N, C-alpha and C. Protein backbone atom coordinates (compact mmCIF):
# COMPACT_ATOMS: atom_id res chain seq x y z
N MET A 1 104.48 92.90 116.58
CA MET A 1 104.63 93.56 117.91
C MET A 1 105.92 94.34 117.97
N GLN A 2 105.84 95.61 118.29
CA GLN A 2 107.05 96.43 118.33
C GLN A 2 107.84 96.14 119.60
N SER A 3 109.14 96.33 119.44
CA SER A 3 110.02 96.05 120.56
C SER A 3 110.69 97.33 121.06
N ALA A 4 111.18 97.34 122.27
CA ALA A 4 111.91 98.50 122.81
C ALA A 4 113.12 98.79 121.94
N HIS A 5 113.76 97.77 121.38
CA HIS A 5 114.91 97.99 120.58
C HIS A 5 114.48 98.69 119.23
N GLN A 6 113.38 98.35 118.71
CA GLN A 6 112.93 99.00 117.49
C GLN A 6 112.56 100.48 117.70
N ILE A 7 111.95 100.74 118.84
CA ILE A 7 111.63 102.10 119.24
C ILE A 7 112.92 102.91 119.39
N GLU A 8 113.94 102.34 120.04
CA GLU A 8 115.19 103.00 120.26
C GLU A 8 115.83 103.39 118.91
N ARG A 9 115.88 102.35 118.02
CA ARG A 9 116.54 102.61 116.73
C ARG A 9 115.82 103.66 115.98
N TRP A 10 114.55 103.66 116.03
CA TRP A 10 113.74 104.71 115.33
C TRP A 10 114.02 106.13 115.87
N ILE A 11 114.03 106.27 117.18
CA ILE A 11 114.36 107.54 117.79
C ILE A 11 115.77 107.96 117.48
N GLU A 12 116.67 107.02 117.50
CA GLU A 12 118.10 107.30 117.25
C GLU A 12 118.25 107.84 115.78
N ARG A 13 117.51 107.18 114.86
CA ARG A 13 117.62 107.57 113.39
C ARG A 13 116.88 108.88 113.17
N PHE A 14 115.86 109.16 113.91
CA PHE A 14 114.96 110.37 113.70
C PHE A 14 114.95 111.12 114.99
N PRO A 15 115.97 111.93 115.33
CA PRO A 15 115.93 112.62 116.62
C PRO A 15 114.79 113.53 116.83
N VAL A 16 114.05 113.93 115.83
CA VAL A 16 112.84 114.83 115.95
C VAL A 16 111.86 114.18 116.92
N VAL A 17 111.80 112.84 116.99
CA VAL A 17 110.94 112.16 117.87
C VAL A 17 111.15 112.57 119.32
N ARG A 18 112.41 112.85 119.69
CA ARG A 18 112.73 113.27 121.02
C ARG A 18 112.13 114.65 121.36
N ASP A 19 111.79 115.41 120.34
CA ASP A 19 111.21 116.70 120.55
C ASP A 19 109.69 116.74 120.72
N PHE A 20 109.09 115.52 120.62
CA PHE A 20 107.63 115.43 120.80
C PHE A 20 107.27 115.70 122.28
N SER A 21 106.11 116.26 122.46
CA SER A 21 105.60 116.35 123.83
C SER A 21 105.27 114.94 124.33
N ALA A 22 105.02 114.84 125.65
CA ALA A 22 104.75 113.49 126.21
C ALA A 22 103.55 112.87 125.58
N SER A 23 102.49 113.66 125.37
CA SER A 23 101.27 113.06 124.73
C SER A 23 101.49 112.68 123.28
N HIS A 24 102.27 113.51 122.58
CA HIS A 24 102.52 113.20 121.15
C HIS A 24 103.48 111.96 121.02
N LEU A 25 104.38 111.85 121.91
CA LEU A 25 105.26 110.67 121.92
C LEU A 25 104.48 109.42 122.26
N GLN A 26 103.52 109.53 123.18
CA GLN A 26 102.73 108.37 123.52
C GLN A 26 101.88 107.91 122.36
N LEU A 27 101.30 108.96 121.64
CA LEU A 27 100.53 108.68 120.43
C LEU A 27 101.38 107.97 119.39
N ALA A 28 102.59 108.52 119.10
CA ALA A 28 103.45 107.91 118.10
C ALA A 28 103.85 106.52 118.45
N ARG A 29 104.30 106.35 119.65
CA ARG A 29 104.79 105.01 120.09
C ARG A 29 103.68 104.06 120.09
N GLY A 30 102.47 104.47 120.38
CA GLY A 30 101.33 103.55 120.50
C GLY A 30 100.79 103.09 119.13
N THR A 31 101.15 103.81 118.07
CA THR A 31 100.58 103.50 116.72
C THR A 31 101.64 103.14 115.68
N VAL A 32 102.90 103.45 115.91
CA VAL A 32 103.95 103.16 114.90
C VAL A 32 104.08 101.61 114.74
N ALA A 33 104.36 101.21 113.50
CA ALA A 33 104.70 99.85 113.14
C ALA A 33 106.07 99.80 112.50
N PHE A 34 106.70 98.67 112.41
CA PHE A 34 108.00 98.53 111.87
C PHE A 34 108.08 97.43 110.84
N PRO A 35 107.51 97.70 109.60
CA PRO A 35 107.55 96.72 108.57
C PRO A 35 108.98 96.58 108.02
N THR A 36 109.32 95.39 107.51
CA THR A 36 110.55 95.14 106.89
C THR A 36 110.28 94.66 105.40
N LEU A 37 110.97 95.28 104.41
CA LEU A 37 110.87 94.85 103.06
C LEU A 37 112.13 94.19 102.64
N GLU A 38 112.06 93.04 102.00
CA GLU A 38 113.22 92.38 101.45
C GLU A 38 113.51 93.04 100.10
N ALA A 39 114.83 92.85 99.67
CA ALA A 39 115.24 93.42 98.40
C ALA A 39 114.33 93.02 97.30
N GLY A 40 113.83 93.98 96.54
CA GLY A 40 112.87 93.69 95.39
C GLY A 40 111.46 93.76 95.76
N ALA A 41 111.17 93.86 97.07
CA ALA A 41 109.73 93.95 97.45
C ALA A 41 109.16 95.31 97.12
N ILE A 42 107.89 95.34 96.78
CA ILE A 42 107.21 96.60 96.44
C ILE A 42 106.75 97.31 97.64
N ALA A 43 107.11 98.59 97.74
CA ALA A 43 106.56 99.42 98.88
C ALA A 43 105.27 100.06 98.45
N TYR A 44 105.22 100.59 97.24
CA TYR A 44 104.00 101.23 96.72
C TYR A 44 103.90 101.01 95.21
N GLU A 45 102.75 100.64 94.71
CA GLU A 45 102.45 100.63 93.26
C GLU A 45 101.82 101.96 92.90
N LEU A 46 101.92 102.27 91.59
CA LEU A 46 101.33 103.52 91.11
C LEU A 46 99.86 103.62 91.52
N GLU A 47 99.51 104.72 92.11
CA GLU A 47 98.07 105.11 92.51
C GLU A 47 97.59 104.32 93.71
N ASP A 48 98.53 103.56 94.43
CA ASP A 48 98.12 103.02 95.68
C ASP A 48 97.77 104.05 96.62
N PRO A 49 96.76 103.81 97.53
CA PRO A 49 96.51 104.73 98.60
C PRO A 49 97.60 104.72 99.59
N CYS A 50 97.91 105.87 100.20
CA CYS A 50 99.03 105.99 101.15
C CYS A 50 98.43 105.79 102.56
N ALA A 51 98.66 104.68 103.15
CA ALA A 51 98.11 104.35 104.45
C ALA A 51 98.94 104.81 105.63
N ASN A 52 100.24 105.05 105.33
CA ASN A 52 101.23 105.33 106.38
C ASN A 52 102.24 106.41 105.99
N TYR A 53 102.76 107.11 106.91
CA TYR A 53 103.91 107.98 106.71
C TYR A 53 105.12 107.19 107.03
N LEU A 54 106.00 107.01 106.03
CA LEU A 54 107.14 106.06 106.13
C LEU A 54 108.46 106.75 106.32
N MET A 55 109.16 106.23 107.37
CA MET A 55 110.48 106.77 107.79
C MET A 55 111.48 105.61 107.69
N CYS A 56 112.55 105.80 106.90
CA CYS A 56 113.45 104.69 106.70
C CYS A 56 114.50 104.62 107.73
N ILE A 57 114.50 103.52 108.47
CA ILE A 57 115.46 103.28 109.58
C ILE A 57 116.76 102.67 109.02
N ASP A 58 116.64 101.79 108.09
CA ASP A 58 117.82 101.14 107.47
C ASP A 58 117.43 100.60 106.09
N GLY A 59 118.41 100.56 105.18
CA GLY A 59 118.18 100.03 103.80
C GLY A 59 117.98 101.19 102.80
N ARG A 60 117.27 100.83 101.71
CA ARG A 60 117.11 101.88 100.68
C ARG A 60 115.95 101.45 99.76
N THR A 61 115.10 102.41 99.41
CA THR A 61 114.07 102.22 98.41
C THR A 61 114.26 103.12 97.22
N ARG A 62 113.75 102.72 96.12
CA ARG A 62 113.91 103.42 94.88
C ARG A 62 112.50 103.88 94.40
N VAL A 63 112.33 105.09 94.07
CA VAL A 63 111.05 105.65 93.68
C VAL A 63 111.16 106.07 92.18
N PHE A 64 110.30 105.57 91.37
CA PHE A 64 110.42 105.80 89.87
C PHE A 64 109.08 105.73 89.22
N ARG A 65 109.11 106.26 88.01
CA ARG A 65 107.91 106.15 87.10
C ARG A 65 108.31 105.27 85.93
N MET A 66 107.27 104.55 85.39
CA MET A 66 107.52 103.66 84.26
C MET A 66 106.75 104.20 83.08
N SER A 67 107.43 104.31 81.91
CA SER A 67 106.78 104.78 80.70
C SER A 67 105.96 103.65 80.10
N GLU A 68 105.08 103.99 79.19
CA GLU A 68 104.27 102.99 78.49
C GLU A 68 105.15 101.99 77.77
N GLY A 69 106.27 102.41 77.31
CA GLY A 69 107.22 101.50 76.61
C GLY A 69 108.06 100.65 77.55
N GLY A 70 107.87 100.76 78.85
CA GLY A 70 108.59 99.91 79.79
C GLY A 70 109.87 100.48 80.35
N ARG A 71 110.18 101.77 80.05
CA ARG A 71 111.42 102.41 80.52
C ARG A 71 111.14 103.02 81.85
N GLU A 72 112.13 102.85 82.74
CA GLU A 72 112.04 103.48 84.08
C GLU A 72 112.73 104.84 84.05
N MET A 73 112.14 105.79 84.89
CA MET A 73 112.81 107.01 85.16
C MET A 73 112.91 107.19 86.65
N LEU A 74 114.16 107.14 87.12
CA LEU A 74 114.36 107.33 88.61
C LEU A 74 113.98 108.73 89.02
N ILE A 75 113.21 108.81 90.12
CA ILE A 75 112.89 110.12 90.65
C ILE A 75 113.80 110.45 91.85
N TYR A 76 113.91 109.53 92.76
CA TYR A 76 114.89 109.69 93.90
C TYR A 76 114.99 108.36 94.61
N LYS A 77 115.88 108.34 95.54
CA LYS A 77 116.00 107.15 96.44
C LYS A 77 115.91 107.57 97.91
N VAL A 78 115.37 106.72 98.73
CA VAL A 78 115.24 107.04 100.13
C VAL A 78 116.14 106.04 100.85
N GLY A 79 117.12 106.64 101.59
CA GLY A 79 118.03 105.82 102.43
C GLY A 79 117.73 106.00 103.91
N ALA A 80 118.63 105.41 104.69
CA ALA A 80 118.48 105.40 106.17
C ALA A 80 118.43 106.87 106.64
N GLY A 81 117.45 107.16 107.46
CA GLY A 81 117.26 108.56 107.99
C GLY A 81 116.41 109.41 107.09
N GLY A 82 115.96 108.88 105.99
CA GLY A 82 115.17 109.68 105.06
C GLY A 82 113.65 109.28 105.13
N THR A 83 112.84 110.08 104.48
CA THR A 83 111.43 109.75 104.40
C THR A 83 111.04 109.81 102.93
N CYS A 84 109.93 109.19 102.60
CA CYS A 84 109.46 109.19 101.25
C CYS A 84 108.53 110.43 101.07
N VAL A 85 109.10 111.41 100.40
CA VAL A 85 108.36 112.71 100.32
C VAL A 85 107.17 112.60 99.43
N LEU A 86 107.07 111.69 98.45
CA LEU A 86 105.97 111.49 97.64
C LEU A 86 104.80 110.91 98.50
N THR A 87 105.21 110.10 99.49
CA THR A 87 104.15 109.60 100.45
C THR A 87 103.60 110.80 101.22
N THR A 88 104.47 111.73 101.57
CA THR A 88 103.98 112.96 102.24
C THR A 88 102.97 113.72 101.39
N GLN A 89 103.36 113.85 100.12
CA GLN A 89 102.46 114.57 99.22
C GLN A 89 101.18 113.88 99.15
N CYS A 90 101.22 112.52 99.01
CA CYS A 90 100.03 111.68 98.90
C CYS A 90 99.10 111.92 100.12
N LEU A 91 99.76 111.89 101.33
CA LEU A 91 98.96 112.06 102.58
C LEU A 91 98.40 113.44 102.69
N LEU A 92 99.15 114.45 102.27
CA LEU A 92 98.62 115.81 102.36
C LEU A 92 97.53 116.10 101.37
N SER A 93 97.57 115.51 100.12
CA SER A 93 96.64 115.76 99.12
C SER A 93 95.43 114.82 99.12
N GLY A 94 95.63 113.63 99.75
CA GLY A 94 94.59 112.64 99.72
C GLY A 94 94.51 111.80 98.48
N GLY A 95 95.49 111.99 97.58
CA GLY A 95 95.46 111.23 96.33
C GLY A 95 96.21 109.93 96.45
N GLY A 96 96.37 109.22 95.33
CA GLY A 96 97.10 108.00 95.30
C GLY A 96 98.59 108.30 95.08
N PHE A 97 99.44 107.28 95.39
CA PHE A 97 100.88 107.42 95.25
C PHE A 97 101.18 107.65 93.77
N PRO A 98 101.93 108.74 93.44
CA PRO A 98 102.10 109.12 92.06
C PRO A 98 103.28 108.44 91.33
N ALA A 99 103.81 107.40 91.89
CA ALA A 99 104.95 106.66 91.26
C ALA A 99 104.93 105.23 91.77
N GLN A 100 106.08 104.60 91.65
CA GLN A 100 106.24 103.22 92.16
C GLN A 100 107.47 103.26 93.10
N SER A 101 107.43 102.45 94.09
CA SER A 101 108.53 102.38 95.04
C SER A 101 108.89 100.93 95.33
N VAL A 102 110.15 100.63 95.22
CA VAL A 102 110.67 99.24 95.40
C VAL A 102 111.88 99.24 96.30
N ALA A 103 112.04 98.27 97.19
CA ALA A 103 113.22 98.15 98.05
C ALA A 103 114.38 97.67 97.21
N GLU A 104 115.53 98.39 97.32
CA GLU A 104 116.74 97.99 96.60
C GLU A 104 117.58 97.07 97.54
N ALA A 105 117.39 97.16 98.78
CA ALA A 105 118.08 96.26 99.74
C ALA A 105 117.09 95.99 100.85
N ARG A 106 117.45 95.08 101.76
CA ARG A 106 116.53 94.82 102.92
C ARG A 106 116.38 96.13 103.66
N THR A 107 115.11 96.50 103.83
CA THR A 107 114.77 97.84 104.29
C THR A 107 113.86 97.82 105.51
N GLU A 108 114.23 98.45 106.57
CA GLU A 108 113.46 98.53 107.78
C GLU A 108 112.80 99.92 107.85
N LEU A 109 111.47 99.98 108.10
CA LEU A 109 110.73 101.21 108.03
C LEU A 109 110.01 101.42 109.38
N ALA A 110 109.83 102.69 109.66
CA ALA A 110 108.91 103.06 110.74
C ALA A 110 107.68 103.61 110.07
N ALA A 111 106.47 103.09 110.33
CA ALA A 111 105.28 103.51 109.62
C ALA A 111 104.26 104.07 110.55
N LEU A 112 103.99 105.36 110.42
CA LEU A 112 102.98 106.00 111.23
C LEU A 112 101.65 106.04 110.41
N PRO A 113 100.58 105.50 111.00
CA PRO A 113 99.29 105.49 110.28
C PRO A 113 98.85 106.87 109.87
N ALA A 114 98.08 107.00 108.80
CA ALA A 114 97.66 108.27 108.23
C ALA A 114 96.95 109.10 109.30
N ASP A 115 96.15 108.50 110.15
CA ASP A 115 95.41 109.22 111.19
C ASP A 115 96.42 109.89 112.14
N THR A 116 97.44 109.08 112.57
CA THR A 116 98.47 109.62 113.49
C THR A 116 99.20 110.75 112.79
N PHE A 117 99.55 110.54 111.52
CA PHE A 117 100.28 111.59 110.73
C PHE A 117 99.45 112.87 110.78
N ARG A 118 98.15 112.78 110.49
CA ARG A 118 97.34 113.98 110.36
C ARG A 118 97.20 114.65 111.78
N GLN A 119 97.10 113.89 112.84
CA GLN A 119 97.02 114.47 114.15
C GLN A 119 98.30 115.15 114.58
N LEU A 120 99.41 114.53 114.25
CA LEU A 120 100.69 115.14 114.62
C LEU A 120 100.99 116.39 113.76
N MET A 121 100.55 116.38 112.50
CA MET A 121 100.67 117.56 111.64
C MET A 121 99.91 118.72 112.21
N ARG A 122 98.74 118.42 112.78
CA ARG A 122 97.88 119.44 113.32
C ARG A 122 98.35 119.94 114.63
N ASP A 123 98.85 119.07 115.48
CA ASP A 123 99.09 119.41 116.94
C ASP A 123 100.60 119.57 117.33
N SER A 124 101.52 118.98 116.53
CA SER A 124 102.94 118.98 116.91
C SER A 124 103.77 119.92 116.05
N THR A 125 104.20 120.98 116.62
CA THR A 125 105.08 121.88 115.82
C THR A 125 106.33 121.20 115.36
N ALA A 126 107.01 120.42 116.26
CA ALA A 126 108.27 119.71 115.91
C ALA A 126 108.04 118.83 114.74
N PHE A 127 106.97 118.02 114.71
CA PHE A 127 106.70 117.09 113.61
C PHE A 127 106.38 117.82 112.34
N ARG A 128 105.49 118.84 112.43
CA ARG A 128 105.12 119.57 111.28
C ARG A 128 106.31 120.23 110.66
N ASP A 129 107.22 120.86 111.36
CA ASP A 129 108.41 121.48 110.83
C ASP A 129 109.31 120.44 110.17
N PHE A 130 109.41 119.32 110.75
CA PHE A 130 110.22 118.25 110.18
C PHE A 130 109.63 117.75 108.78
N VAL A 131 108.37 117.55 108.75
CA VAL A 131 107.70 117.01 107.54
C VAL A 131 107.81 118.05 106.49
N LEU A 132 107.47 119.36 106.79
CA LEU A 132 107.52 120.40 105.72
C LEU A 132 108.91 120.70 105.24
N ASP A 133 109.90 120.53 106.09
CA ASP A 133 111.26 120.70 105.61
C ASP A 133 111.62 119.61 104.64
N ASP A 134 111.24 118.38 104.93
CA ASP A 134 111.42 117.27 104.05
C ASP A 134 110.68 117.48 102.69
N TYR A 135 109.48 118.01 102.81
CA TYR A 135 108.66 118.28 101.60
C TYR A 135 109.32 119.29 100.67
N THR A 136 109.97 120.24 101.21
CA THR A 136 110.68 121.21 100.31
C THR A 136 111.77 120.56 99.53
N LYS A 137 112.37 119.47 100.16
CA LYS A 137 113.42 118.75 99.44
C LYS A 137 112.82 118.10 98.22
N LEU A 138 111.54 117.68 98.31
CA LEU A 138 110.95 117.02 97.13
C LEU A 138 110.90 118.03 95.94
N LEU A 139 110.52 119.27 96.23
CA LEU A 139 110.44 120.25 95.16
C LEU A 139 111.89 120.49 94.57
N SER A 140 112.84 120.55 95.43
CA SER A 140 114.22 120.77 94.95
C SER A 140 114.64 119.57 94.12
N ALA A 141 114.33 118.35 94.57
CA ALA A 141 114.71 117.15 93.79
C ALA A 141 114.05 117.10 92.46
N VAL A 142 112.78 117.49 92.44
CA VAL A 142 112.05 117.47 91.13
C VAL A 142 112.61 118.47 90.15
N PHE A 143 112.96 119.69 90.67
CA PHE A 143 113.55 120.65 89.76
C PHE A 143 114.89 120.18 89.27
N ASP A 144 115.71 119.58 90.16
CA ASP A 144 117.00 119.05 89.72
C ASP A 144 116.81 117.97 88.64
N LEU A 145 115.81 117.12 88.84
CA LEU A 145 115.51 116.08 87.83
C LEU A 145 115.09 116.69 86.49
N VAL A 146 114.23 117.64 86.52
CA VAL A 146 113.77 118.32 85.29
C VAL A 146 114.99 118.96 84.60
N GLU A 147 115.83 119.67 85.35
CA GLU A 147 116.96 120.30 84.75
C GLU A 147 117.92 119.30 84.17
N GLU A 148 118.14 118.14 84.86
CA GLU A 148 119.03 117.15 84.37
C GLU A 148 118.49 116.52 83.10
N ILE A 149 117.25 116.18 83.08
CA ILE A 149 116.67 115.56 81.87
C ILE A 149 116.65 116.48 80.66
N ALA A 150 116.30 117.76 80.95
CA ALA A 150 116.13 118.76 79.90
C ALA A 150 117.45 119.21 79.33
N PHE A 151 118.50 119.35 80.23
CA PHE A 151 119.68 120.05 79.80
C PHE A 151 120.98 119.30 79.83
N ALA A 152 121.08 118.26 80.72
CA ALA A 152 122.30 117.55 80.91
C ALA A 152 122.43 116.40 79.83
N PRO A 153 123.58 116.32 79.08
CA PRO A 153 123.71 115.19 78.16
C PRO A 153 123.77 113.86 78.90
N LEU A 154 123.42 112.78 78.22
CA LEU A 154 123.42 111.46 78.87
C LEU A 154 124.69 111.10 79.49
N GLU A 155 125.85 111.48 78.81
CA GLU A 155 127.12 111.08 79.37
C GLU A 155 127.35 111.73 80.79
N GLN A 156 126.89 113.00 80.93
CA GLN A 156 126.95 113.68 82.22
C GLN A 156 126.11 112.98 83.23
N ARG A 157 124.88 112.62 82.86
CA ARG A 157 123.99 111.93 83.81
C ARG A 157 124.56 110.58 84.27
N LEU A 158 125.15 109.88 83.32
CA LEU A 158 125.70 108.52 83.64
C LEU A 158 126.95 108.72 84.52
N ALA A 159 127.78 109.68 84.22
CA ALA A 159 128.95 109.93 85.04
C ALA A 159 128.60 110.23 86.44
N ARG A 160 127.55 111.12 86.62
CA ARG A 160 127.13 111.51 87.93
C ARG A 160 126.55 110.34 88.72
N ARG A 161 125.82 109.45 87.99
CA ARG A 161 125.25 108.35 88.67
C ARG A 161 126.33 107.39 89.15
N LEU A 162 127.31 107.13 88.30
CA LEU A 162 128.47 106.22 88.69
C LEU A 162 129.13 106.75 89.95
N LEU A 163 129.39 108.08 89.95
CA LEU A 163 130.04 108.68 91.11
C LEU A 163 129.18 108.62 92.35
N ALA A 164 127.91 108.77 92.18
CA ALA A 164 127.00 108.75 93.34
C ALA A 164 126.84 107.33 93.89
N GLU A 165 126.90 106.31 93.03
CA GLU A 165 126.67 104.93 93.45
C GLU A 165 127.92 104.19 93.89
N ALA A 166 129.09 104.74 93.52
CA ALA A 166 130.39 104.02 93.80
C ALA A 166 130.58 103.85 95.27
N ASP A 167 131.05 102.72 95.69
CA ASP A 167 131.37 102.48 97.09
C ASP A 167 132.79 102.99 97.39
N ALA A 168 133.30 102.70 98.60
CA ALA A 168 134.63 103.17 98.96
C ALA A 168 135.77 102.74 98.08
N HIS A 169 135.51 101.58 97.40
CA HIS A 169 136.53 101.04 96.45
C HIS A 169 136.25 101.43 95.02
N GLY A 170 135.28 102.35 94.80
CA GLY A 170 134.99 102.76 93.46
C GLY A 170 134.15 101.88 92.69
N ILE A 171 133.53 100.83 93.34
CA ILE A 171 132.69 99.84 92.61
C ILE A 171 131.23 100.20 92.69
N VAL A 172 130.59 100.13 91.48
CA VAL A 172 129.17 100.37 91.36
C VAL A 172 128.56 99.01 91.17
N TRP A 173 127.77 98.51 92.12
CA TRP A 173 127.18 97.22 92.09
C TRP A 173 125.85 97.27 91.36
N LYS A 174 125.93 97.49 90.03
CA LYS A 174 124.74 97.60 89.21
C LYS A 174 124.98 97.06 87.83
N THR A 175 123.94 96.53 87.19
CA THR A 175 124.03 96.10 85.85
C THR A 175 123.84 97.31 84.94
N HIS A 176 124.21 97.04 83.63
CA HIS A 176 123.96 98.17 82.62
C HIS A 176 122.50 98.53 82.51
N GLN A 177 121.64 97.53 82.66
CA GLN A 177 120.20 97.80 82.64
C GLN A 177 119.73 98.66 83.81
N GLN A 178 120.22 98.35 84.97
CA GLN A 178 119.90 99.15 86.14
C GLN A 178 120.39 100.61 86.03
N LEU A 179 121.59 100.79 85.47
CA LEU A 179 122.12 102.15 85.28
C LEU A 179 121.31 102.88 84.24
N ALA A 180 120.94 102.17 83.19
CA ALA A 180 120.07 102.79 82.18
C ALA A 180 118.76 103.26 82.72
N SER A 181 118.17 102.49 83.57
CA SER A 181 116.90 102.91 84.24
C SER A 181 117.17 104.15 85.15
N ASP A 182 118.32 104.17 85.80
CA ASP A 182 118.62 105.31 86.67
C ASP A 182 118.73 106.60 85.91
N VAL A 183 119.25 106.54 84.64
CA VAL A 183 119.47 107.83 83.92
C VAL A 183 118.47 108.03 82.84
N GLY A 184 117.40 107.20 82.75
CA GLY A 184 116.39 107.39 81.76
C GLY A 184 116.80 107.05 80.39
N SER A 185 117.59 106.06 80.19
CA SER A 185 118.05 105.67 78.83
C SER A 185 117.80 104.20 78.63
N VAL A 186 118.44 103.62 77.69
CA VAL A 186 118.32 102.16 77.38
C VAL A 186 119.65 101.53 77.52
N ARG A 187 119.60 100.18 77.73
CA ARG A 187 120.81 99.48 78.10
C ARG A 187 121.86 99.56 76.96
N GLU A 188 121.38 99.47 75.67
CA GLU A 188 122.39 99.42 74.61
C GLU A 188 123.23 100.68 74.61
N VAL A 189 122.56 101.84 74.77
CA VAL A 189 123.27 103.21 74.72
C VAL A 189 124.27 103.26 75.93
N VAL A 190 123.81 102.86 77.12
CA VAL A 190 124.67 102.91 78.28
C VAL A 190 125.81 102.00 78.14
N SER A 191 125.64 100.73 77.62
CA SER A 191 126.71 99.82 77.39
C SER A 191 127.72 100.37 76.42
N ARG A 192 127.23 101.07 75.36
CA ARG A 192 128.18 101.67 74.46
C ARG A 192 129.06 102.75 75.12
N LEU A 193 128.41 103.61 75.88
CA LEU A 193 129.16 104.66 76.57
C LEU A 193 130.18 104.04 77.57
N LEU A 194 129.74 103.06 78.31
CA LEU A 194 130.70 102.44 79.29
C LEU A 194 131.80 101.72 78.53
N GLY A 195 131.52 101.15 77.38
CA GLY A 195 132.59 100.50 76.64
C GLY A 195 133.62 101.54 76.17
N GLU A 196 133.14 102.71 75.75
CA GLU A 196 134.09 103.82 75.30
C GLU A 196 134.91 104.25 76.52
N TRP A 197 134.28 104.38 77.67
CA TRP A 197 134.98 104.79 78.87
C TRP A 197 136.01 103.77 79.30
N ALA A 198 135.66 102.49 79.18
CA ALA A 198 136.62 101.36 79.53
C ALA A 198 137.81 101.41 78.64
N ASP A 199 137.58 101.64 77.31
CA ASP A 199 138.66 101.72 76.33
C ASP A 199 139.63 102.91 76.72
N GLY A 200 139.03 103.97 77.30
CA GLY A 200 139.84 105.17 77.64
C GLY A 200 140.39 105.08 79.04
N GLY A 201 140.17 103.97 79.76
CA GLY A 201 140.78 103.79 81.09
C GLY A 201 139.98 104.52 82.19
N LEU A 202 138.79 104.96 81.89
CA LEU A 202 138.03 105.71 82.94
C LEU A 202 137.35 104.74 83.91
N VAL A 203 136.85 103.59 83.36
CA VAL A 203 136.18 102.65 84.19
C VAL A 203 136.67 101.24 83.78
N GLU A 204 136.30 100.29 84.61
CA GLU A 204 136.53 98.89 84.30
C GLU A 204 135.20 98.13 84.44
N ILE A 205 134.83 97.42 83.38
CA ILE A 205 133.58 96.72 83.33
C ILE A 205 133.72 95.29 83.77
N ARG A 206 132.93 94.89 84.70
CA ARG A 206 132.87 93.49 85.13
C ARG A 206 131.40 93.01 85.20
N ARG A 207 131.21 91.73 85.37
CA ARG A 207 129.88 91.18 85.42
C ARG A 207 129.11 91.75 86.58
N GLY A 208 128.02 92.47 86.34
CA GLY A 208 127.13 93.00 87.42
C GLY A 208 127.70 94.18 88.12
N GLN A 209 128.83 94.74 87.64
CA GLN A 209 129.38 95.91 88.29
C GLN A 209 130.26 96.75 87.35
N VAL A 210 130.54 97.94 87.83
CA VAL A 210 131.40 98.84 87.06
C VAL A 210 132.34 99.49 88.11
N GLN A 211 133.63 99.47 87.81
CA GLN A 211 134.56 100.12 88.79
C GLN A 211 135.07 101.39 88.19
N VAL A 212 134.88 102.45 89.00
CA VAL A 212 135.43 103.80 88.59
C VAL A 212 136.89 103.83 88.70
N ILE A 213 137.63 104.10 87.69
CA ILE A 213 139.12 104.20 87.69
C ILE A 213 139.54 105.63 87.77
N ASP A 214 139.01 106.43 86.89
CA ASP A 214 139.45 107.87 86.74
C ASP A 214 138.28 108.74 87.25
N ARG A 215 138.24 108.94 88.57
CA ARG A 215 137.15 109.74 89.16
C ARG A 215 137.15 111.19 88.68
N ALA A 216 138.39 111.73 88.49
CA ALA A 216 138.53 113.14 88.14
C ALA A 216 137.93 113.35 86.74
N ALA A 217 138.10 112.44 85.85
CA ALA A 217 137.58 112.62 84.47
C ALA A 217 136.03 112.60 84.52
N LEU A 218 135.46 111.67 85.29
CA LEU A 218 133.99 111.58 85.42
C LEU A 218 133.49 112.80 86.06
N THR A 219 134.21 113.30 87.14
CA THR A 219 133.73 114.55 87.86
C THR A 219 133.73 115.73 86.92
N ALA A 220 134.61 115.73 85.98
CA ALA A 220 134.65 116.90 85.07
C ALA A 220 133.42 117.09 84.18
N GLY A 221 132.65 115.98 84.11
CA GLY A 221 131.37 116.09 83.47
C GLY A 221 131.26 115.79 81.97
N ARG A 222 132.40 115.74 81.34
CA ARG A 222 132.39 115.41 79.92
C ARG A 222 133.44 114.31 79.63
N PRO A 223 133.23 113.10 80.25
CA PRO A 223 134.23 112.06 80.12
C PRO A 223 134.63 111.64 78.70
N ASN A 224 133.74 111.78 77.78
CA ASN A 224 134.11 111.38 76.41
C ASN A 224 135.04 112.36 75.75
N HIS A 225 135.29 113.49 76.45
CA HIS A 225 136.24 114.45 75.93
C HIS A 225 137.53 114.34 76.64
N HIS A 226 137.74 113.26 77.42
CA HIS A 226 138.87 113.02 78.23
C HIS A 226 140.12 112.84 77.26
């Protein structure tokens, strides 16, 4: 059962809802659900049907593909205020979800049923503009991913990931295996690189985390040439 507090948080996180007409707002409020995923819970499996348009109110999900050999390739992450653009593609095309999605932290979602999504896409200019703007971000993210995999050396990809994941204290709360999955490599190679960077004073390695020490060297993009 949805609560007034959940509705308020949803509208606060996604101001586009305020731009809905009275009838469209009534439709959205009458059909939206607010599922919660605990850390590690699966949002979508590969080729799952997409039953809802998902809007992230709080938390974070990770969208990835798995190779036959068991290696993960991160596609993107969805944080608070974001939507899962592959879900959008799935709803627009009518196909199955083309990847896997897992909650990295406790995640609160607003879920609009597929029928509501289609009706709002057809009848609401505000909603349609919001969805299509988000969809263009998918294309941009995919091209960035292709460029990074094809042209960026592993050390650059790992340095960028550390900088992106570091908190205010420079700490990345991830294991070497998780970082390897993020950059499309294997744990042994990532551990070797991190070891070299630790010897050079760029990072400090601890159990389950890495602390960024020399942000400038990592930002330069070729930390092994420091």
